[in-house]
Protein backbone atom coordinates (compact mmCIF):
# COMPACT_ATOMS: atom_id res chain seq x y z
CA MET A 1 8.75 -13.97 11.97
CA LEU A 2 7.26 -13.79 8.49
CA ILE A 3 5.24 -11.07 6.86
CA LYS A 4 3.80 -11.88 3.47
CA LEU A 5 3.31 -9.77 0.39
CA ASN A 6 0.01 -10.56 -1.31
CA PHE A 7 0.43 -11.51 -4.96
CA SER A 8 -3.19 -11.39 -6.17
CA ARG A 9 -3.51 -9.67 -9.56
CA THR A 10 -7.16 -8.84 -8.95
CA SER A 11 -7.79 -7.43 -5.50
CA SER A 12 -9.48 -9.60 -2.91
CA LEU A 13 -10.43 -8.71 0.63
CA SER A 14 -10.31 -12.34 1.66
CA SER A 15 -6.67 -12.92 0.78
CA SER A 16 -4.18 -14.48 3.18
CA PRO A 17 -3.60 -12.26 6.22
CA ILE A 18 -0.28 -10.78 7.27
CA ILE A 19 0.50 -12.36 10.61
CA PHE A 20 3.37 -12.05 13.01
CA SER A 21 4.10 -12.26 16.72
CA LEU A 22 4.40 -8.93 18.54
CA LEU A 23 5.88 -8.49 22.01
CA LEU A 24 4.50 -5.55 23.98
CA LEU A 25 6.52 -3.87 26.69
CA HIS A 26 4.04 -3.74 29.59
CA ASN A 27 5.98 -1.50 31.90
CA ASN A 28 7.00 1.14 29.44
CA ASN A 29 3.69 2.26 27.93
CA ASN A 30 3.79 5.56 29.79
CA LYS A 31 7.29 6.23 28.47
CA THR A 32 6.41 5.80 24.80
CA LYS A 33 7.59 8.80 22.85
CA LYS A 34 6.14 10.27 19.72
CA LEU A 35 8.10 9.47 16.62
CA LEU A 36 8.61 12.32 14.22
CA ARG A 37 10.90 11.02 11.54
CA SER A 38 11.64 14.41 10.15
CA SER A 39 10.61 18.01 10.60
CA SER A 40 10.73 18.52 6.86
CA CYS A 41 7.44 19.47 5.28
CA CYS A 42 6.56 20.94 1.94
CA SER A 43 3.89 20.83 -0.69
CA ILE A 44 4.72 19.05 -3.92
CA SER A 45 4.34 22.35 -5.73
CA SER A 46 6.88 24.10 -3.51
CA SER A 47 10.11 25.13 -5.17
CA SER A 48 11.95 24.41 -1.90
CA CYS A 49 11.45 20.67 -2.43
CA SER A 50 13.99 18.74 -4.43
CA PRO A 51 11.73 16.32 -6.29
CA PRO A 52 13.04 12.92 -7.34
CA PRO A 53 12.83 11.83 -10.98
CA PRO A 54 9.29 11.46 -12.37
CA PRO A 55 7.53 8.19 -11.51
CA GLN A 56 8.08 5.25 -13.78
CA THR A 57 5.23 4.61 -16.19
CA PRO A 58 3.55 1.24 -15.54
CA LEU A 59 4.33 -1.31 -18.23
CA PHE A 60 0.74 -1.59 -19.46
CA LEU A 61 0.61 2.18 -20.10
CA ARG A 62 3.78 2.34 -22.19
CA PRO A 63 3.51 2.71 -25.97
CA PRO A 64 4.09 -0.51 -27.97
CA ILE A 65 7.13 0.81 -29.81
CA PHE A 66 9.17 -2.42 -29.68
CA SER A 67 8.78 -5.65 -31.62
CA ALA A 68 9.92 -9.26 -31.61
CA THR A 69 9.19 -12.30 -33.71
CA LEU A 70 6.69 -14.83 -32.52
CA SER A 71 9.47 -17.42 -32.54
CA ASP A 72 11.68 -15.34 -30.23
CA LEU A 73 8.76 -14.67 -27.90
CA ARG A 74 7.99 -18.37 -27.66
CA THR A 75 11.64 -19.01 -26.78
CA TRP A 76 11.49 -16.32 -24.08
CA ARG A 77 8.25 -17.71 -22.63
CA HIS A 78 9.67 -21.24 -22.48
CA TRP A 79 12.77 -19.92 -20.67
CA ALA A 80 10.58 -17.92 -18.28
CA GLN A 81 8.34 -20.92 -17.57
CA THR A 82 11.38 -23.03 -16.76
CA LEU A 83 12.65 -20.37 -14.38
CA ALA A 84 9.20 -20.21 -12.78
CA SER A 85 9.46 -23.85 -11.74
CA SER A 86 11.16 -22.58 -8.58
CA THR A 87 9.16 -22.37 -5.39
CA PHE A 88 9.96 -20.27 -2.34
CA LEU A 89 7.16 -21.42 -0.06
CA HIS A 90 9.50 -23.49 2.11
CA LEU A 91 12.05 -20.69 2.42
CA ASP A 92 9.99 -17.80 3.74
CA ASN A 93 6.37 -18.44 2.76
CA GLY A 94 7.17 -16.98 -0.64
CA PRO A 95 5.50 -17.59 -4.01
CA THR A 96 4.85 -21.07 -5.37
CA SER A 97 5.59 -22.12 -8.94
CA ASP A 98 1.86 -21.96 -9.73
CA LEU A 99 1.75 -18.34 -8.64
CA LEU A 100 4.90 -17.49 -10.57
CA LEU A 101 3.38 -18.96 -13.72
CA ARG A 102 0.28 -16.82 -13.22
CA GLU A 103 2.50 -13.79 -12.80
CA LEU A 104 4.27 -14.68 -16.04
CA ASN A 105 0.92 -14.65 -17.83
CA TRP A 106 0.14 -11.25 -16.29
CA LEU A 107 3.51 -9.96 -17.49
CA ILE A 108 2.69 -11.15 -20.99
CA GLN A 109 -0.68 -9.41 -20.82
CA ASP A 110 0.98 -6.13 -19.85
CA ALA A 111 3.94 -6.34 -22.23
CA LEU A 112 2.33 -7.47 -25.50
CA LEU A 113 -0.08 -5.39 -27.54
CA ASN A 114 -1.88 -8.56 -28.65
CA PRO A 115 -0.95 -11.19 -26.05
CA GLN A 116 -3.48 -13.71 -27.30
CA THR A 117 -1.36 -14.25 -30.43
CA LEU A 118 1.32 -15.96 -28.34
CA SER A 119 -0.99 -18.80 -27.35
CA ALA A 120 -3.65 -18.71 -30.08
CA GLN A 121 -1.97 -21.31 -32.25
CA PRO A 122 0.74 -23.97 -31.97
CA PRO A 123 4.27 -23.20 -33.14
CA THR A 124 4.92 -23.34 -36.89
CA VAL A 125 7.93 -22.96 -39.16
CA HIS A 126 6.63 -19.50 -40.08
CA ASP A 127 6.80 -18.05 -36.54
CA HIS A 128 10.02 -16.22 -37.34
CA ARG A 129 8.16 -14.21 -39.98
CA ILE A 130 5.44 -12.97 -37.60
CA SER A 131 6.24 -9.79 -35.70
CA LEU A 132 4.46 -8.76 -32.49
CA SER A 133 4.37 -5.30 -30.91
CA LEU A 134 5.77 -4.96 -27.37
CA ARG A 135 5.77 -2.29 -24.67
CA ALA A 136 9.33 -3.30 -23.69
CA ASP A 137 12.08 -4.81 -25.76
CA LEU A 138 12.68 -8.52 -25.49
CA GLU A 139 16.03 -8.10 -23.77
CA HIS A 140 14.31 -6.06 -21.06
CA LEU A 141 11.66 -8.77 -20.59
CA TYR A 142 14.46 -11.26 -19.97
CA LEU A 143 15.89 -8.89 -17.37
CA LEU A 144 12.54 -8.27 -15.66
CA TRP A 145 11.75 -11.95 -15.23
CA LYS A 146 15.27 -12.70 -14.04
CA GLN A 147 14.82 -9.99 -11.39
CA ARG A 148 11.51 -11.52 -10.34
CA ILE A 149 12.89 -15.03 -9.82
CA GLN A 150 16.53 -14.59 -8.88
CA ASP A 151 16.30 -11.29 -6.97
CA ARG A 152 12.77 -11.92 -5.64
CA ARG A 153 11.80 -8.45 -6.83
CA PRO A 154 8.07 -8.02 -6.17
CA PHE A 155 5.96 -8.59 -9.25
CA GLN A 156 4.24 -5.24 -8.67
CA TYR A 157 7.58 -3.48 -9.07
CA VAL A 158 8.38 -5.56 -12.15
CA VAL A 159 5.27 -4.37 -14.01
CA GLY A 160 5.02 -1.03 -12.17
CA CYS A 161 1.46 -1.34 -10.93
CA GLU A 162 -0.87 -2.98 -8.44
CA HIS A 163 -4.56 -3.85 -8.79
CA TRP A 164 -6.36 -2.49 -5.70
CA ARG A 165 -10.14 -2.35 -5.34
CA ASP A 166 -11.23 -1.25 -8.82
CA LEU A 167 -8.06 0.77 -9.34
CA VAL A 168 -4.80 0.05 -11.11
CA LEU A 169 -2.18 2.05 -9.23
CA SER A 170 1.36 2.91 -10.21
CA VAL A 171 3.97 1.57 -7.76
CA GLN A 172 7.74 1.38 -7.82
CA GLU A 173 10.71 0.90 -5.51
CA GLY A 174 10.50 3.36 -2.64
CA VAL A 175 6.71 3.05 -2.35
CA LEU A 176 4.84 0.51 -0.23
CA ILE A 177 2.73 -1.86 -2.31
CA PRO A 178 -0.91 -1.47 -1.16
CA ARG A 179 -2.34 -4.70 0.29
CA PRO A 180 -5.81 -6.11 -0.35
CA GLU A 181 -6.56 -6.07 3.39
CA THR A 182 -6.15 -2.29 3.48
CA GLU A 183 -9.02 -1.90 1.01
CA LEU A 184 -11.42 -2.25 3.92
CA ILE A 185 -10.40 1.18 5.29
CA VAL A 186 -12.24 2.80 2.38
CA ASP A 187 -15.36 0.78 3.21
CA LEU A 188 -15.10 1.78 6.88
CA VAL A 189 -15.06 5.43 5.82
CA GLY A 190 -18.09 4.87 3.60
CA ASP A 191 -19.96 3.16 6.45
CA ALA A 192 -19.09 5.98 8.86
CA ILE A 193 -20.48 8.56 6.44
CA LEU A 194 -23.62 6.55 5.73
CA ASN A 195 -24.46 5.32 9.24
CA ASN A 196 -23.26 8.07 11.51
CA ASN A 197 -22.94 11.50 10.05
CA GLN A 198 -23.45 12.75 6.51
CA GLY A 199 -21.53 15.81 7.71
CA LEU A 200 -18.40 13.69 7.40
CA LYS A 201 -18.71 14.20 3.64
CA GLU A 202 -17.92 17.89 4.05
CA GLY A 203 -14.58 19.30 5.07
CA PHE A 204 -11.09 17.84 5.12
CA TRP A 205 -10.01 14.22 5.34
CA ALA A 206 -6.38 13.24 5.87
CA ASP A 207 -4.54 10.12 4.76
CA LEU A 208 -1.23 9.96 6.61
CA GLY A 209 1.61 7.93 5.11
CA THR A 210 -0.27 7.75 1.82
CA GLY A 211 2.34 5.76 -0.14
CA SER A 212 0.83 5.20 -3.58
CA GLY A 213 -2.19 7.34 -2.68
CA ALA A 214 -4.48 4.29 -2.71
CA ILE A 215 -6.57 5.12 0.38
CA ALA A 216 -6.78 8.82 -0.46
CA ILE A 217 -8.05 8.04 -3.95
CA GLY A 218 -10.59 5.56 -2.59
CA ILE A 219 -11.93 8.09 -0.08
CA ALA A 220 -12.05 10.91 -2.63
CA ARG A 221 -14.26 8.78 -4.86
CA ILE A 222 -16.62 8.13 -1.95
CA LEU A 223 -16.83 11.84 -1.16
CA GLY A 224 -17.93 12.63 -4.69
CA ASN A 225 -18.49 16.35 -5.14
CA SER A 226 -18.18 17.02 -1.39
CA GLY A 227 -15.15 17.43 0.83
CA SER A 228 -11.49 16.92 -0.03
CA VAL A 229 -8.52 14.81 1.00
CA ILE A 230 -5.03 15.82 2.04
CA ALA A 231 -2.51 13.00 1.74
CA THR A 232 0.91 13.21 3.37
CA ASP A 233 4.08 11.18 3.13
CA LEU A 234 7.64 11.75 4.24
CA SER A 235 9.07 9.98 1.19
CA PRO A 236 9.59 12.20 -1.87
CA VAL A 237 9.28 9.12 -4.08
CA ALA A 238 5.89 8.28 -2.56
CA VAL A 239 4.76 11.88 -3.03
CA GLN A 240 5.65 11.72 -6.73
CA VAL A 241 3.96 8.35 -7.27
CA ALA A 242 0.84 9.36 -5.32
CA SER A 243 0.61 12.55 -7.38
CA PHE A 244 0.91 10.52 -10.59
CA ASN A 245 -1.94 8.24 -9.48
CA VAL A 246 -4.12 11.17 -8.41
CA GLN A 247 -3.68 12.86 -11.78
CA ARG A 248 -4.30 9.64 -13.66
CA PHE A 249 -7.71 9.33 -12.01
CA ASN A 250 -8.35 13.05 -12.54
CA LEU A 251 -8.67 13.77 -8.81
CA GLN A 252 -6.14 16.59 -8.50
CA ASP A 253 -8.96 18.98 -7.56
CA LYS A 254 -10.05 16.64 -4.74
CA ILE A 255 -6.72 15.44 -3.35
CA GLU A 256 -3.73 17.50 -2.29
CA ILE A 257 -0.45 15.66 -1.78
CA LYS A 258 1.97 17.11 0.76
CA GLN A 259 5.43 15.96 1.73
CA GLY A 260 6.21 15.80 5.42
CA SER A 261 6.14 13.70 8.56
CA TRP A 262 2.66 12.67 9.72
CA PHE A 263 0.80 15.78 10.96
CA GLU A 264 3.53 18.30 10.16
CA PRO A 265 2.01 19.37 6.82
CA LEU A 266 -1.41 19.81 8.47
CA LYS A 267 -0.60 22.31 11.22
CA GLU A 268 -2.95 24.91 9.78
CA LEU A 269 -5.84 22.42 10.03
CA GLU A 270 -5.56 21.63 13.73
CA GLY A 271 -9.01 20.76 15.04
CA GLU A 272 -10.51 20.99 11.55
CA LEU A 273 -10.30 17.47 10.12
CA VAL A 274 -13.55 15.54 9.76
CA GLY A 275 -11.71 12.29 9.13
CA LEU A 276 -8.30 10.72 9.58
CA VAL A 277 -7.01 7.41 8.21
CA SER A 278 -3.65 5.71 8.13
CA ASN A 279 -1.92 2.41 7.51
CA PRO A 280 1.24 3.19 9.49
CA PRO A 281 4.43 1.15 9.93
CA TYR A 282 3.81 -1.44 12.63
CA ILE A 283 6.46 -4.12 12.31
CA PRO A 284 8.82 -4.23 15.31
CA SER A 285 12.33 -3.20 14.28
CA GLU A 286 13.86 -6.51 15.32
CA HIS A 287 11.51 -8.39 12.98
CA ILE A 288 12.47 -6.53 9.81
CA SER A 289 15.32 -8.92 9.02
CA GLY A 290 12.89 -11.85 9.03
CA LEU A 291 10.62 -10.48 6.32
CA GLN A 292 9.80 -12.39 3.18
CA ALA A 293 12.34 -11.62 0.46
CA GLU A 294 9.80 -9.71 -1.65
CA VAL A 295 8.78 -7.49 1.25
CA ALA A 296 12.42 -6.68 1.98
CA HIS A 297 12.48 -4.75 -1.33
CA GLU A 298 9.90 -2.31 0.04
CA PRO A 299 10.89 0.89 1.88
CA ARG A 300 11.83 0.29 5.51
CA LEU A 301 10.34 3.67 6.34
CA ALA A 302 6.90 2.25 5.55
CA LEU A 303 7.45 -0.98 7.50
CA ASP A 304 9.43 -0.28 10.68
CA GLY A 305 7.17 0.59 13.61
CA GLY A 306 9.91 0.98 16.19
CA ARG A 307 10.99 -1.25 19.04
CA ASN A 308 7.58 -2.79 19.73
CA GLY A 309 5.70 -1.71 16.62
CA THR A 310 3.61 0.96 18.34
CA SER A 311 5.67 4.14 17.91
CA ASP A 312 3.72 5.55 14.99
CA LEU A 313 0.36 4.20 16.14
CA LEU A 314 0.57 6.03 19.45
CA HIS A 315 1.68 9.19 17.68
CA LEU A 316 -1.39 8.94 15.45
CA CYS A 317 -3.66 8.48 18.46
CA HIS A 318 -2.32 11.65 20.07
CA GLY A 319 -2.54 13.53 16.79
CA ALA A 320 -6.15 12.50 16.31
CA VAL A 321 -7.01 14.26 19.57
CA SER A 322 -5.70 17.60 18.37
CA MET A 323 -6.51 17.36 14.66
CA LEU A 324 -10.05 15.97 14.52
CA LYS A 325 -13.18 18.08 14.88
CA PRO A 326 -15.78 16.90 17.41
CA HIS A 327 -17.46 13.77 16.01
CA GLY A 328 -14.64 13.38 13.49
CA PHE A 329 -13.87 9.79 12.47
CA PHE A 330 -10.60 7.89 12.45
CA ALA A 331 -9.54 4.46 11.18
CA PHE A 332 -6.06 3.00 11.65
CA GLU A 333 -4.76 -0.31 10.39
CA VAL A 334 -3.11 -2.28 13.18
CA PRO A 335 -1.03 -5.47 12.91
CA PRO A 336 -2.95 -8.72 13.35
CA ILE A 337 -1.72 -10.66 16.37
CA LEU A 338 -1.18 -14.37 16.82
CA GLN A 339 -3.46 -15.86 19.43
CA PHE A 340 -0.53 -16.86 21.61
CA ALA A 341 1.04 -13.38 21.61
CA ILE A 342 1.97 -12.04 25.05
CA ALA A 343 -0.58 -9.24 24.83
CA SER A 344 -3.18 -7.97 22.41
CA LEU A 345 -2.13 -4.79 20.70
CA PHE A 346 -5.76 -3.92 20.18
CA LYS A 347 -6.49 -4.19 23.89
CA PHE A 348 -3.42 -2.11 24.59
CA LEU A 349 -4.47 0.60 22.12
CA LEU A 350 -8.05 0.75 23.37
CA GLU A 351 -6.92 0.98 26.97
CA TYR A 352 -4.37 3.63 26.01
CA MET A 353 -7.05 5.75 24.34
CA GLU A 354 -9.56 5.20 27.12
CA ILE A 355 -7.13 5.86 29.98
CA LYS A 356 -4.22 7.95 28.72
CA LEU A 357 -6.47 9.93 26.38
CA LYS A 358 -9.53 9.74 28.59
CA GLY A 359 -12.60 11.47 27.25
CA SER A 360 -11.06 12.12 23.85
CA PHE A 361 -12.93 9.45 21.84
CA TYR A 362 -16.17 7.50 21.77
CA ASP A 363 -17.47 4.42 19.94
CA LEU A 364 -14.03 2.85 19.84
CA ASN A 365 -14.16 -0.40 17.90
CA ILE A 366 -11.98 -3.24 16.71
CA VAL A 367 -12.84 -4.31 13.17
CA SER A 368 -11.86 -7.58 11.53
CA ASP A 369 -11.01 -8.04 7.87
CA PHE A 370 -12.91 -10.47 5.65
CA ALA A 371 -10.65 -13.29 6.78
CA GLY A 372 -11.88 -12.73 10.34
CA ILE A 373 -8.54 -11.29 11.49
CA GLN A 374 -8.68 -8.26 13.78
CA ARG A 375 -6.99 -5.52 11.75
CA PHE A 376 -8.45 -2.04 12.33
CA VAL A 377 -9.26 0.29 15.20
CA THR A 378 -11.88 2.98 14.60
CA GLY A 379 -13.61 5.66 16.61
CA PHE A 380 -14.95 9.20 16.80
CA ARG A 381 -13.58 12.34 18.41
CA ALA A 382 -15.51 13.41 21.48
CA ARG A 383 -16.62 16.99 22.02
């Protein structure tokens, strides 16, 4: 089983889908238990939390306090281009040499104050006299590119950011890299507000398992001067990174970041949410070892969906019943399924909500991404 990390520098909703085969356990649906990974819960401002070190500053935001000669930079680029001749497509559907060369150019754009100088003119005997300003020293650039090729460290972790919608978000180890496909959740929220109920603009929205804070930031910008978003994550690293991104986009008055497991930080808002979104872990535990090498660098907490990939999804469905106000909206990202899979997870989820949670929701829908792959389940809380 392969799950692919998208490598697009500029976000695209039509990028290659993440696809894998998922086996559903037909006879054990009624025995599925809620998964609460921890009872810990605290606000980021709470002194009871032991915060991790501050988030790493993305490379493109660092001051250009280093320098190197044009000659040395040309030597580094030639070495990096040679290393980028590797291709990992045949191993685990990993990056091709063409993609790695594009990533090298992106790294140059982020690391050099004036990157165009490196390619503006052919090499000359005077290159050793020309000094260029860098945001990382040359030795560190050698290390970063070596990590990218030899360790298969995701490019987003190498440069410390990901381009998502019209945002550039800080990311680092310990935080799931937001995928282009997930961008559509923000559009689904916008459509729900526009087409169904302008009242959804008022009140509290929740983004559970926020990671980098991408979805929460996208929703907050849609809400404008109305409403607010509470974003939760169990990972203290994710909480720190999400907070950094929220502050960078000056949304700290619109978004509150809380540390805790799923609904635990939201107990005081039971029955009060107007909207609920999540991109939960949904990869079956037994498939984790088969992930693409880049994806294996990401936090397992954000990937592992339990024995059949539904543990967290079912917990979210039950939580939506108790947390949403009448006519409140929800949107969950669900794993795309191969056509030959034993059962459709979407069919299973819809039947679960219609039968096990009978009368709790209406207008349940399956929504495809721009590649035509079924990826989201949406609906509204009944009265």
